[in-house]
């Protein structure tokens, strides 16, 4: 296991986690997202993100975590909880008692509007991945953690997703991506953390 890893997730900046298969990229990302306890070391949220919830994201309650950090899993089915695409997108806003205006925009921009009443589990692989991204974005988290967000996407959806995430970065959202897509990393910019080698580049803006 690689040790001595340090990374900063900064508002309005992207952090790309790269490295060979089996290097622990997904595990590291889920630890940053507060879904796994650190094997060693610690994950500490700044006061602005914690907003009274405590410094350790792993100890946050579900509602506190959803409002602060949104995670898109490598396997989209692992995060679906509703019986239709529309209801899936409404879960975060309803749970947090926030406005749902963004839902229609997400449906349109990620080309899911014609599937609003479909069961998420009946979608194609690409559609499931787009829905998993849209579901997280609907909750307006301050930090996004995405595991291979462009995998299996066509060029149009790739461009729409990259554009959307760039807008979020400009608006102050922090974006953490586990990816092998070098072009996607280049579009988002920011810092790179490469696991599984001696090359380690990470830091805050």
N, C-alpha and C. Protein backbone atom coordinates (compact mmCIF):
# COMPACT_ATOMS: atom_id res chain seq x y z
N UNK A 1 0.84 -1.20 0.00
CA UNK A 1 0.00 0.00 0.00
C UNK A 1 0.88 1.24 0.00
N UNK A 2 0.54 2.19 -0.83
CA UNK A 2 1.31 3.43 -0.91
C UNK A 2 1.06 4.28 0.33
N UNK A 3 2.09 4.84 0.87
CA UNK A 3 1.97 5.69 2.05
C UNK A 3 2.50 7.07 1.72
N UNK A 4 2.31 7.98 2.66
CA UNK A 4 2.81 9.33 2.46
C UNK A 4 2.01 10.13 1.47
N UNK A 5 0.73 9.78 1.28
CA UNK A 5 -0.11 10.49 0.33
C UNK A 5 -0.73 11.71 1.01
N UNK A 6 -0.66 12.85 0.34
CA UNK A 6 -1.29 14.06 0.84
C UNK A 6 -1.98 14.76 -0.31
N UNK A 7 -3.20 15.19 -0.10
CA UNK A 7 -3.94 15.88 -1.15
C UNK A 7 -4.85 16.92 -0.52
N UNK A 8 -5.09 17.99 -1.25
CA UNK A 8 -6.01 19.04 -0.81
C UNK A 8 -7.13 19.16 -1.83
N UNK A 9 -8.35 19.26 -1.33
CA UNK A 9 -9.52 19.48 -2.17
C UNK A 9 -9.97 20.90 -1.90
N UNK A 10 -9.94 21.74 -2.92
CA UNK A 10 -10.13 23.17 -2.76
C UNK A 10 -11.34 23.65 -3.55
N UNK A 11 -12.11 24.52 -2.96
CA UNK A 11 -13.29 25.08 -3.63
C UNK A 11 -12.90 25.68 -4.98
N UNK A 12 -13.65 25.33 -6.02
CA UNK A 12 -13.40 25.88 -7.33
C UNK A 12 -12.23 25.27 -8.06
N UNK A 13 -11.68 24.18 -7.53
CA UNK A 13 -10.54 23.53 -8.17
C UNK A 13 -10.82 22.06 -8.40
N UNK A 14 -10.19 21.50 -9.42
CA UNK A 14 -10.32 20.08 -9.72
C UNK A 14 -9.11 19.33 -9.17
N UNK A 15 -9.34 18.11 -8.71
CA UNK A 15 -8.28 17.19 -8.33
C UNK A 15 -8.53 15.90 -9.08
N UNK A 16 -7.57 15.48 -9.88
CA UNK A 16 -7.69 14.24 -10.65
C UNK A 16 -6.83 13.16 -10.01
N UNK A 17 -7.43 12.00 -9.75
CA UNK A 17 -6.72 10.87 -9.17
C UNK A 17 -6.48 9.86 -10.28
N UNK A 18 -5.22 9.59 -10.57
CA UNK A 18 -4.86 8.69 -11.66
C UNK A 18 -3.96 7.57 -11.14
N UNK A 19 -3.65 6.65 -12.03
CA UNK A 19 -2.79 5.53 -11.65
C UNK A 19 -3.28 4.24 -12.25
N UNK A 20 -2.47 3.18 -12.19
CA UNK A 20 -2.86 1.89 -12.78
C UNK A 20 -4.00 1.23 -12.01
N UNK A 21 -4.64 0.27 -12.66
CA UNK A 21 -5.69 -0.50 -11.99
C UNK A 21 -5.11 -1.19 -10.76
N UNK A 22 -5.87 -1.18 -9.67
CA UNK A 22 -5.42 -1.82 -8.45
C UNK A 22 -4.58 -0.94 -7.55
N UNK A 23 -4.38 0.32 -7.94
CA UNK A 23 -3.55 1.21 -7.14
C UNK A 23 -4.29 1.79 -5.94
N UNK A 24 -5.61 1.59 -5.88
CA UNK A 24 -6.38 2.09 -4.75
C UNK A 24 -7.06 3.42 -5.01
N UNK A 25 -7.25 3.77 -6.27
CA UNK A 25 -7.83 5.08 -6.60
C UNK A 25 -9.26 5.22 -6.07
N UNK A 26 -10.08 4.21 -6.32
CA UNK A 26 -11.48 4.29 -5.88
C UNK A 26 -11.58 4.31 -4.36
N UNK A 27 -10.76 3.51 -3.70
CA UNK A 27 -10.76 3.48 -2.24
C UNK A 27 -10.35 4.83 -1.68
N UNK A 28 -9.34 5.43 -2.28
CA UNK A 28 -8.89 6.74 -1.82
C UNK A 28 -9.99 7.78 -2.02
N UNK A 29 -10.66 7.74 -3.17
CA UNK A 29 -11.72 8.70 -3.45
C UNK A 29 -12.89 8.54 -2.48
N UNK A 30 -13.28 7.30 -2.20
CA UNK A 30 -14.38 7.07 -1.26
C UNK A 30 -14.00 7.50 0.15
N UNK A 31 -12.72 7.42 0.48
CA UNK A 31 -12.26 7.90 1.79
C UNK A 31 -12.36 9.42 1.84
N UNK A 32 -11.94 10.09 0.78
CA UNK A 32 -12.08 11.55 0.72
C UNK A 32 -13.54 11.96 0.83
N UNK A 33 -14.43 11.13 0.26
CA UNK A 33 -15.85 11.46 0.23
C UNK A 33 -16.57 11.19 1.56
N UNK A 34 -15.85 10.64 2.54
CA UNK A 34 -16.46 10.37 3.83
C UNK A 34 -17.25 9.08 3.89
N UNK A 35 -17.07 8.21 2.90
CA UNK A 35 -17.81 6.95 2.86
C UNK A 35 -17.01 5.77 3.40
N UNK A 36 -15.72 5.93 3.52
CA UNK A 36 -14.85 4.91 4.12
C UNK A 36 -13.97 5.58 5.17
N UNK A 37 -13.73 4.86 6.26
CA UNK A 37 -12.81 5.38 7.27
C UNK A 37 -11.38 5.25 6.77
N UNK A 38 -10.52 6.22 7.04
CA UNK A 38 -9.12 6.13 6.60
C UNK A 38 -8.42 4.92 7.19
N UNK A 39 -7.66 4.21 6.38
CA UNK A 39 -6.87 3.09 6.87
C UNK A 39 -5.77 3.62 7.80
N UNK A 40 -5.22 4.75 7.42
CA UNK A 40 -4.28 5.46 8.27
C UNK A 40 -4.37 6.93 7.92
N UNK A 41 -3.82 7.78 8.76
CA UNK A 41 -3.93 9.21 8.52
C UNK A 41 -5.34 9.71 8.81
N UNK A 42 -5.69 10.83 8.21
CA UNK A 42 -7.00 11.41 8.48
C UNK A 42 -7.49 12.25 7.31
N UNK A 43 -8.79 12.41 7.26
CA UNK A 43 -9.43 13.33 6.32
C UNK A 43 -10.08 14.41 7.17
N UNK A 44 -9.76 15.65 6.89
CA UNK A 44 -10.25 16.75 7.71
C UNK A 44 -10.93 17.79 6.84
N UNK A 45 -12.19 18.09 7.15
CA UNK A 45 -12.94 19.10 6.40
C UNK A 45 -12.67 20.47 6.98
N UNK A 46 -12.46 21.45 6.11
CA UNK A 46 -12.29 22.82 6.55
C UNK A 46 -13.60 23.33 7.15
N UNK A 47 -13.49 24.37 7.95
CA UNK A 47 -14.66 24.89 8.66
C UNK A 47 -15.78 25.30 7.71
N UNK A 48 -15.42 25.85 6.56
CA UNK A 48 -16.45 26.28 5.61
C UNK A 48 -17.26 25.14 5.06
N UNK A 49 -16.63 23.98 4.85
CA UNK A 49 -17.34 22.81 4.36
C UNK A 49 -18.07 22.10 5.50
N UNK A 50 -17.41 21.95 6.62
CA UNK A 50 -18.02 21.25 7.75
C UNK A 50 -19.25 21.98 8.28
N UNK A 51 -19.17 23.29 8.34
CA UNK A 51 -20.32 24.11 8.76
C UNK A 51 -21.00 23.58 10.01
N UNK A 52 -20.18 23.26 11.02
CA UNK A 52 -20.72 22.82 12.30
C UNK A 52 -20.92 21.33 12.43
N UNK A 53 -20.65 20.56 11.36
CA UNK A 53 -20.89 19.11 11.41
C UNK A 53 -19.70 18.33 11.99
N UNK A 54 -18.59 19.01 12.25
CA UNK A 54 -17.40 18.33 12.71
C UNK A 54 -16.41 18.17 11.58
N UNK A 55 -15.15 17.96 11.91
CA UNK A 55 -14.09 17.95 10.91
C UNK A 55 -13.97 16.63 10.15
N UNK A 56 -14.51 15.54 10.68
CA UNK A 56 -14.35 14.22 10.07
C UNK A 56 -15.57 13.85 9.25
N UNK A 57 -15.49 13.87 7.91
CA UNK A 57 -16.66 13.55 7.08
C UNK A 57 -17.23 12.16 7.31
N UNK A 58 -16.39 11.21 7.70
CA UNK A 58 -16.87 9.84 7.93
C UNK A 58 -17.87 9.78 9.09
N UNK A 59 -17.82 10.75 9.98
CA UNK A 59 -18.72 10.77 11.14
C UNK A 59 -19.98 11.61 10.90
N UNK A 60 -20.08 12.20 9.74
CA UNK A 60 -21.27 12.99 9.45
C UNK A 60 -22.49 12.10 9.26
N UNK A 61 -23.65 12.61 9.63
CA UNK A 61 -24.89 11.90 9.36
C UNK A 61 -25.18 12.00 7.87
N UNK A 62 -26.06 11.12 7.39
CA UNK A 62 -26.34 11.04 5.95
C UNK A 62 -26.76 12.39 5.37
N UNK A 63 -27.65 13.07 6.05
CA UNK A 63 -28.13 14.36 5.55
C UNK A 63 -27.02 15.39 5.50
N UNK A 64 -26.14 15.37 6.49
CA UNK A 64 -25.00 16.29 6.49
C UNK A 64 -24.05 15.99 5.34
N UNK A 65 -23.83 14.71 5.05
CA UNK A 65 -22.91 14.32 3.99
C UNK A 65 -23.47 14.68 2.61
N UNK A 66 -24.75 14.36 2.38
CA UNK A 66 -25.37 14.62 1.07
C UNK A 66 -25.31 16.09 0.72
N UNK A 67 -25.50 16.94 1.72
CA UNK A 67 -25.51 18.38 1.48
C UNK A 67 -24.12 18.94 1.19
N UNK A 68 -23.08 18.21 1.54
CA UNK A 68 -21.71 18.72 1.44
C UNK A 68 -20.88 18.02 0.37
N UNK A 69 -20.98 16.68 0.31
CA UNK A 69 -20.16 15.90 -0.62
C UNK A 69 -21.06 14.94 -1.40
N UNK A 70 -21.00 15.02 -2.72
CA UNK A 70 -21.75 14.10 -3.56
C UNK A 70 -20.81 13.13 -4.25
N UNK A 71 -21.17 11.85 -4.27
CA UNK A 71 -20.29 10.82 -4.82
C UNK A 71 -20.98 10.06 -5.95
N UNK A 72 -20.27 9.93 -7.07
CA UNK A 72 -20.74 9.12 -8.19
C UNK A 72 -19.88 7.87 -8.22
N UNK A 73 -20.52 6.72 -8.00
CA UNK A 73 -19.78 5.46 -7.90
C UNK A 73 -19.39 4.92 -9.28
N UNK A 74 -18.42 4.04 -9.29
CA UNK A 74 -17.98 3.41 -10.53
C UNK A 74 -19.09 2.55 -11.13
N UNK A 75 -19.88 1.91 -10.28
CA UNK A 75 -21.04 1.14 -10.73
C UNK A 75 -22.29 1.93 -10.38
N UNK A 76 -22.96 2.56 -11.35
CA UNK A 76 -24.10 3.44 -11.07
C UNK A 76 -25.22 2.80 -10.26
N UNK A 77 -25.48 1.50 -10.49
CA UNK A 77 -26.59 0.85 -9.79
C UNK A 77 -26.46 0.90 -8.28
N UNK A 78 -25.23 1.08 -7.80
CA UNK A 78 -25.00 1.06 -6.36
C UNK A 78 -25.60 2.27 -5.65
N UNK A 79 -26.02 3.29 -6.40
CA UNK A 79 -26.56 4.47 -5.74
C UNK A 79 -28.02 4.74 -6.06
N UNK A 80 -28.68 3.88 -6.88
CA UNK A 80 -30.08 4.10 -7.22
C UNK A 80 -30.99 3.62 -6.10
N UNK A 81 -31.99 4.45 -5.76
CA UNK A 81 -32.90 4.10 -4.66
C UNK A 81 -34.36 4.30 -5.02
N UNK A 82 -34.66 4.86 -6.20
CA UNK A 82 -36.04 5.19 -6.56
C UNK A 82 -36.49 4.37 -7.78
N UNK A 83 -37.79 4.40 -8.04
CA UNK A 83 -38.36 3.58 -9.10
C UNK A 83 -38.43 4.24 -10.45
N UNK A 84 -38.10 5.52 -10.55
CA UNK A 84 -38.09 6.20 -11.84
C UNK A 84 -36.93 7.18 -11.88
N UNK A 85 -36.57 7.55 -13.09
CA UNK A 85 -35.47 8.51 -13.27
C UNK A 85 -35.79 9.84 -12.59
N UNK A 86 -37.02 10.32 -12.77
CA UNK A 86 -37.42 11.59 -12.16
C UNK A 86 -37.36 11.51 -10.64
N UNK A 87 -37.91 10.45 -10.07
CA UNK A 87 -37.89 10.31 -8.61
C UNK A 87 -36.47 10.19 -8.09
N UNK A 88 -35.60 9.54 -8.86
CA UNK A 88 -34.20 9.42 -8.46
C UNK A 88 -33.56 10.80 -8.35
N UNK A 89 -33.85 11.65 -9.31
CA UNK A 89 -33.30 13.00 -9.30
C UNK A 89 -33.88 13.86 -8.18
N UNK A 90 -35.08 13.53 -7.74
CA UNK A 90 -35.74 14.32 -6.71
C UNK A 90 -35.32 13.93 -5.29
N UNK A 91 -34.64 12.80 -5.15
CA UNK A 91 -34.30 12.30 -3.81
C UNK A 91 -33.50 13.33 -3.01
N UNK A 92 -32.40 13.83 -3.57
CA UNK A 92 -31.55 14.78 -2.86
C UNK A 92 -32.27 16.06 -2.50
N UNK A 93 -32.88 16.76 -3.47
CA UNK A 93 -33.59 18.00 -3.16
C UNK A 93 -34.69 17.83 -2.12
N UNK A 94 -35.46 16.74 -2.23
CA UNK A 94 -36.54 16.51 -1.26
C UNK A 94 -35.99 16.23 0.12
N UNK A 95 -34.95 15.42 0.18
CA UNK A 95 -34.36 15.05 1.48
C UNK A 95 -33.78 16.28 2.18
N UNK A 96 -33.24 17.18 1.39
CA UNK A 96 -32.61 18.38 1.94
C UNK A 96 -33.57 19.57 1.99
N UNK A 97 -34.81 19.35 1.52
CA UNK A 97 -35.83 20.39 1.49
C UNK A 97 -35.36 21.61 0.71
N UNK A 98 -34.81 21.32 -0.47
CA UNK A 98 -34.33 22.38 -1.35
C UNK A 98 -35.18 22.43 -2.61
N UNK A 99 -35.03 23.49 -3.37
CA UNK A 99 -35.76 23.64 -4.61
C UNK A 99 -35.38 22.57 -5.63
N UNK A 100 -36.32 22.24 -6.50
CA UNK A 100 -36.10 21.19 -7.49
C UNK A 100 -35.93 21.75 -8.91
N UNK A 101 -35.71 23.07 -9.01
CA UNK A 101 -35.64 23.70 -10.32
C UNK A 101 -34.52 23.10 -11.19
N UNK A 102 -33.45 22.67 -10.58
CA UNK A 102 -32.31 22.17 -11.34
C UNK A 102 -32.60 20.82 -12.00
N UNK A 103 -33.63 20.11 -11.52
CA UNK A 103 -33.92 18.77 -12.03
C UNK A 103 -34.22 18.79 -13.53
N UNK A 104 -35.08 19.70 -13.97
CA UNK A 104 -35.42 19.77 -15.39
C UNK A 104 -34.19 20.09 -16.24
N UNK A 105 -33.33 20.98 -15.73
CA UNK A 105 -32.12 21.31 -16.46
C UNK A 105 -31.21 20.10 -16.59
N UNK A 106 -31.07 19.34 -15.52
CA UNK A 106 -30.22 18.15 -15.55
C UNK A 106 -30.78 17.10 -16.51
N UNK A 107 -32.08 16.91 -16.49
CA UNK A 107 -32.71 15.96 -17.40
C UNK A 107 -32.41 16.32 -18.85
N UNK A 108 -32.51 17.62 -19.17
CA UNK A 108 -32.30 18.06 -20.54
C UNK A 108 -30.82 18.00 -20.93
N UNK A 109 -29.94 18.52 -20.09
CA UNK A 109 -28.53 18.62 -20.46
C UNK A 109 -27.85 17.27 -20.55
N UNK A 110 -28.30 16.32 -19.74
CA UNK A 110 -27.71 14.99 -19.79
C UNK A 110 -28.58 14.02 -20.58
N UNK A 111 -29.50 14.56 -21.36
CA UNK A 111 -30.33 13.80 -22.31
C UNK A 111 -31.06 12.63 -21.65
N UNK A 112 -31.73 12.95 -20.55
CA UNK A 112 -32.51 11.96 -19.83
C UNK A 112 -33.99 12.33 -19.77
N UNK A 113 -34.36 13.47 -20.38
CA UNK A 113 -35.73 13.96 -20.24
C UNK A 113 -36.76 12.98 -20.81
N UNK A 114 -36.43 12.27 -21.89
CA UNK A 114 -37.36 11.31 -22.48
C UNK A 114 -37.46 10.02 -21.66
N UNK A 115 -36.63 9.91 -20.64
CA UNK A 115 -36.60 8.71 -19.79
C UNK A 115 -37.09 9.00 -18.37
N UNK A 116 -37.74 10.14 -18.18
CA UNK A 116 -38.11 10.58 -16.83
C UNK A 116 -38.92 9.54 -16.06
N UNK A 117 -39.78 8.80 -16.74
CA UNK A 117 -40.63 7.83 -16.05
C UNK A 117 -40.07 6.41 -16.07
N UNK A 118 -38.92 6.23 -16.69
CA UNK A 118 -38.33 4.89 -16.80
C UNK A 118 -37.71 4.45 -15.48
N UNK A 119 -37.67 3.14 -15.26
CA UNK A 119 -36.98 2.59 -14.10
C UNK A 119 -35.48 2.69 -14.33
N UNK A 120 -34.72 3.23 -13.39
CA UNK A 120 -33.27 3.39 -13.59
C UNK A 120 -32.56 2.11 -13.99
N UNK A 121 -33.04 0.97 -13.50
CA UNK A 121 -32.35 -0.28 -13.77
C UNK A 121 -32.58 -0.80 -15.19
N UNK A 122 -33.51 -0.18 -15.93
CA UNK A 122 -33.76 -0.60 -17.31
C UNK A 122 -32.96 0.23 -18.32
N UNK A 123 -32.22 1.22 -17.86
CA UNK A 123 -31.46 2.09 -18.75
C UNK A 123 -30.23 1.38 -19.29
N UNK A 124 -29.70 1.93 -20.36
CA UNK A 124 -28.43 1.43 -20.88
C UNK A 124 -27.30 1.82 -19.94
N UNK A 125 -26.11 1.25 -20.17
CA UNK A 125 -24.99 1.57 -19.29
C UNK A 125 -24.64 3.04 -19.29
N UNK A 126 -24.63 3.66 -20.47
CA UNK A 126 -24.32 5.09 -20.56
C UNK A 126 -25.38 5.94 -19.90
N UNK A 127 -26.64 5.56 -20.07
CA UNK A 127 -27.73 6.31 -19.46
C UNK A 127 -27.68 6.20 -17.94
N UNK A 128 -27.35 5.02 -17.43
CA UNK A 128 -27.23 4.85 -15.97
C UNK A 128 -26.13 5.75 -15.41
N UNK A 129 -25.03 5.83 -16.15
CA UNK A 129 -23.93 6.67 -15.65
C UNK A 129 -24.32 8.14 -15.67
N UNK A 130 -25.02 8.57 -16.71
CA UNK A 130 -25.47 9.95 -16.76
C UNK A 130 -26.44 10.24 -15.62
N UNK A 131 -27.32 9.28 -15.33
CA UNK A 131 -28.28 9.47 -14.24
C UNK A 131 -27.56 9.53 -12.90
N UNK A 132 -26.55 8.71 -12.70
CA UNK A 132 -25.82 8.73 -11.43
C UNK A 132 -25.15 10.08 -11.19
N UNK A 133 -24.63 10.67 -12.26
CA UNK A 133 -24.03 12.00 -12.16
C UNK A 133 -25.10 13.05 -11.86
N UNK A 134 -26.21 12.99 -12.60
CA UNK A 134 -27.28 13.97 -12.43
C UNK A 134 -27.88 13.90 -11.03
N UNK A 135 -28.02 12.70 -10.48
CA UNK A 135 -28.59 12.53 -9.14
C UNK A 135 -27.77 13.25 -8.08
N UNK A 136 -26.45 13.15 -8.21
CA UNK A 136 -25.57 13.82 -7.26
C UNK A 136 -25.63 15.33 -7.44
N UNK A 137 -25.61 15.78 -8.70
CA UNK A 137 -25.64 17.22 -8.97
C UNK A 137 -26.92 17.87 -8.47
N UNK A 138 -28.01 17.13 -8.45
CA UNK A 138 -29.31 17.68 -8.03
C UNK A 138 -29.30 18.13 -6.57
N UNK A 139 -28.40 17.57 -5.77
CA UNK A 139 -28.34 17.92 -4.35
C UNK A 139 -27.47 19.15 -4.08
N UNK A 140 -26.84 19.72 -5.10
CA UNK A 140 -26.01 20.92 -4.96
C UNK A 140 -24.90 20.78 -3.92
N UNK A 141 -24.13 19.69 -3.92
CA UNK A 141 -23.05 19.57 -2.93
C UNK A 141 -21.91 20.55 -3.23
N UNK A 142 -21.12 20.83 -2.20
CA UNK A 142 -19.97 21.72 -2.38
C UNK A 142 -18.76 21.00 -2.95
N UNK A 143 -18.75 19.67 -2.79
CA UNK A 143 -17.66 18.84 -3.30
C UNK A 143 -18.26 17.69 -4.09
N UNK A 144 -17.74 17.44 -5.29
CA UNK A 144 -18.15 16.30 -6.10
C UNK A 144 -17.00 15.30 -6.18
N UNK A 145 -17.30 14.03 -5.96
CA UNK A 145 -16.31 12.97 -6.10
C UNK A 145 -16.86 12.00 -7.14
N UNK A 146 -16.17 11.87 -8.27
CA UNK A 146 -16.67 11.08 -9.39
C UNK A 146 -15.67 9.99 -9.76
N UNK A 147 -16.16 8.75 -9.82
CA UNK A 147 -15.31 7.62 -10.16
C UNK A 147 -15.56 7.23 -11.62
N UNK A 148 -14.60 7.51 -12.50
CA UNK A 148 -14.69 7.24 -13.93
C UNK A 148 -15.96 7.83 -14.55
N UNK A 149 -16.19 9.14 -14.42
CA UNK A 149 -17.44 9.74 -14.89
C UNK A 149 -17.66 9.69 -16.40
N UNK A 150 -16.59 9.60 -17.19
CA UNK A 150 -16.76 9.61 -18.65
C UNK A 150 -16.72 8.22 -19.27
N UNK A 151 -16.58 7.20 -18.47
CA UNK A 151 -16.47 5.84 -19.01
C UNK A 151 -17.74 5.45 -19.76
N UNK A 152 -17.60 5.02 -21.00
CA UNK A 152 -18.74 4.54 -21.77
C UNK A 152 -19.62 5.63 -22.36
N UNK A 153 -19.21 6.89 -22.28
CA UNK A 153 -20.03 7.97 -22.79
C UNK A 153 -19.66 8.30 -24.24
N UNK A 154 -20.67 8.69 -25.03
CA UNK A 154 -20.38 9.12 -26.39
C UNK A 154 -19.81 10.54 -26.35
N UNK A 155 -19.34 11.01 -27.50
CA UNK A 155 -18.63 12.29 -27.54
C UNK A 155 -19.54 13.46 -27.13
N UNK A 156 -20.82 13.39 -27.48
CA UNK A 156 -21.74 14.48 -27.13
C UNK A 156 -21.94 14.57 -25.63
N UNK A 157 -22.18 13.43 -25.00
CA UNK A 157 -22.38 13.42 -23.54
C UNK A 157 -21.09 13.78 -22.82
N UNK A 158 -19.95 13.30 -23.35
CA UNK A 158 -18.65 13.66 -22.77
C UNK A 158 -18.51 15.17 -22.73
N UNK A 159 -18.82 15.83 -23.86
CA UNK A 159 -18.68 17.29 -23.94
C UNK A 159 -19.65 18.00 -23.00
N UNK A 160 -20.89 17.49 -22.91
CA UNK A 160 -21.88 18.11 -22.03
C UNK A 160 -21.46 17.99 -20.56
N UNK A 161 -20.96 16.81 -20.20
CA UNK A 161 -20.53 16.60 -18.82
C UNK A 161 -19.32 17.47 -18.49
N UNK A 162 -18.36 17.53 -19.39
CA UNK A 162 -17.17 18.36 -19.16
C UNK A 162 -17.56 19.83 -19.03
N UNK A 163 -18.49 20.27 -19.88
CA UNK A 163 -18.95 21.66 -19.82
C UNK A 163 -19.65 21.95 -18.50
N UNK A 164 -20.51 21.04 -18.08
CA UNK A 164 -21.25 21.22 -16.84
C UNK A 164 -20.30 21.29 -15.64
N UNK A 165 -19.34 20.39 -15.59
CA UNK A 165 -18.41 20.38 -14.47
C UNK A 165 -17.52 21.61 -14.47
N UNK A 166 -17.16 22.11 -15.65
CA UNK A 166 -16.38 23.34 -15.73
C UNK A 166 -17.16 24.52 -15.18
N UNK A 167 -18.46 24.57 -15.48
CA UNK A 167 -19.31 25.61 -14.93
C UNK A 167 -19.38 25.52 -13.41
N UNK A 168 -19.47 24.30 -12.89
CA UNK A 168 -19.52 24.12 -11.44
C UNK A 168 -18.22 24.56 -10.78
N UNK A 169 -17.10 24.25 -11.42
CA UNK A 169 -15.81 24.71 -10.90
C UNK A 169 -15.77 26.23 -10.86
N UNK A 170 -16.24 26.86 -11.93
CA UNK A 170 -16.26 28.32 -11.97
C UNK A 170 -17.14 28.90 -10.87
N UNK A 171 -18.17 28.15 -10.48
CA UNK A 171 -19.10 28.61 -9.45
C UNK A 171 -18.61 28.30 -8.04
N UNK A 172 -17.45 27.61 -7.93
CA UNK A 172 -16.87 27.36 -6.61
C UNK A 172 -16.98 25.95 -6.09
N UNK A 173 -17.54 25.02 -6.88
CA UNK A 173 -17.61 23.63 -6.46
C UNK A 173 -16.25 22.97 -6.64
N UNK A 174 -15.86 22.12 -5.71
CA UNK A 174 -14.64 21.34 -5.84
C UNK A 174 -15.00 20.03 -6.54
N UNK A 175 -14.17 19.59 -7.48
CA UNK A 175 -14.44 18.38 -8.25
C UNK A 175 -13.25 17.43 -8.15
N UNK A 176 -13.50 16.25 -7.61
CA UNK A 176 -12.49 15.19 -7.52
C UNK A 176 -12.88 14.09 -8.48
N UNK A 177 -11.98 13.72 -9.39
CA UNK A 177 -12.30 12.71 -10.40
C UNK A 177 -11.26 11.59 -10.39
N UNK A 178 -11.74 10.35 -10.32
CA UNK A 178 -10.89 9.20 -10.58
C UNK A 178 -11.06 8.89 -12.06
N UNK A 179 -10.00 8.94 -12.84
CA UNK A 179 -10.17 8.76 -14.28
C UNK A 179 -8.88 8.34 -14.96
N UNK A 180 -9.07 7.61 -16.09
CA UNK A 180 -7.96 7.33 -16.99
C UNK A 180 -8.03 8.23 -18.21
N UNK A 181 -9.02 9.11 -18.24
CA UNK A 181 -9.29 9.96 -19.40
C UNK A 181 -8.43 11.22 -19.31
N UNK A 182 -7.30 11.22 -19.99
CA UNK A 182 -6.37 12.34 -19.90
C UNK A 182 -6.95 13.61 -20.49
N UNK A 183 -7.74 13.50 -21.54
CA UNK A 183 -8.35 14.68 -22.15
C UNK A 183 -9.33 15.33 -21.18
N UNK A 184 -10.10 14.51 -20.49
CA UNK A 184 -11.05 15.01 -19.49
C UNK A 184 -10.30 15.73 -18.37
N UNK A 185 -9.22 15.14 -17.91
CA UNK A 185 -8.40 15.77 -16.87
C UNK A 185 -7.86 17.11 -17.32
N UNK A 186 -7.45 17.17 -18.58
CA UNK A 186 -6.89 18.41 -19.11
C UNK A 186 -7.93 19.51 -19.19
N UNK A 187 -9.17 19.15 -19.54
CA UNK A 187 -10.25 20.13 -19.62
C UNK A 187 -10.56 20.71 -18.24
N UNK A 188 -10.61 19.86 -17.22
CA UNK A 188 -10.93 20.33 -15.87
C UNK A 188 -9.76 21.07 -15.24
N UNK A 189 -8.54 20.69 -15.60
CA UNK A 189 -7.37 21.36 -15.03
C UNK A 189 -7.16 20.98 -13.57
N UNK A 190 -6.54 21.86 -12.81
CA UNK A 190 -6.32 21.61 -11.39
C UNK A 190 -5.10 20.75 -11.12
N UNK A 191 -5.15 20.00 -10.03
CA UNK A 191 -4.02 19.20 -9.57
C UNK A 191 -4.22 17.73 -9.90
N UNK A 192 -3.12 17.00 -9.95
CA UNK A 192 -3.16 15.56 -10.21
C UNK A 192 -2.51 14.81 -9.05
N UNK A 193 -3.16 13.74 -8.63
CA UNK A 193 -2.59 12.84 -7.63
C UNK A 193 -2.47 11.48 -8.30
N UNK A 194 -1.24 11.03 -8.53
CA UNK A 194 -1.05 9.75 -9.19
C UNK A 194 -0.65 8.71 -8.16
N UNK A 195 -1.48 7.67 -8.03
CA UNK A 195 -1.20 6.59 -7.08
C UNK A 195 -0.47 5.45 -7.78
N UNK A 196 0.26 4.68 -7.00
CA UNK A 196 0.91 3.50 -7.54
C UNK A 196 2.24 3.77 -8.20
N UNK A 197 2.82 4.94 -7.98
CA UNK A 197 4.15 5.24 -8.53
C UNK A 197 4.81 6.27 -7.61
N UNK A 198 6.00 6.61 -7.96
CA UNK A 198 6.70 7.61 -7.16
C UNK A 198 6.32 9.01 -7.54
N UNK A 199 5.55 9.15 -8.65
CA UNK A 199 5.15 10.49 -9.08
C UNK A 199 3.90 10.90 -8.32
N UNK A 200 4.00 11.93 -7.57
CA UNK A 200 2.89 12.38 -6.74
C UNK A 200 2.76 13.88 -6.88
N UNK A 201 1.65 14.32 -7.45
CA UNK A 201 1.44 15.74 -7.61
C UNK A 201 0.06 16.07 -7.05
N UNK A 202 0.01 16.83 -6.00
CA UNK A 202 -1.27 17.20 -5.42
C UNK A 202 -1.08 18.46 -4.62
N UNK A 203 -2.16 19.19 -4.45
CA UNK A 203 -2.03 20.36 -3.62
C UNK A 203 -3.18 21.29 -3.80
N UNK A 204 -3.22 22.31 -3.00
CA UNK A 204 -4.29 23.30 -3.05
C UNK A 204 -3.87 24.45 -3.94
N UNK A 205 -4.89 25.12 -4.46
CA UNK A 205 -4.61 26.31 -5.27
C UNK A 205 -4.18 27.44 -4.36
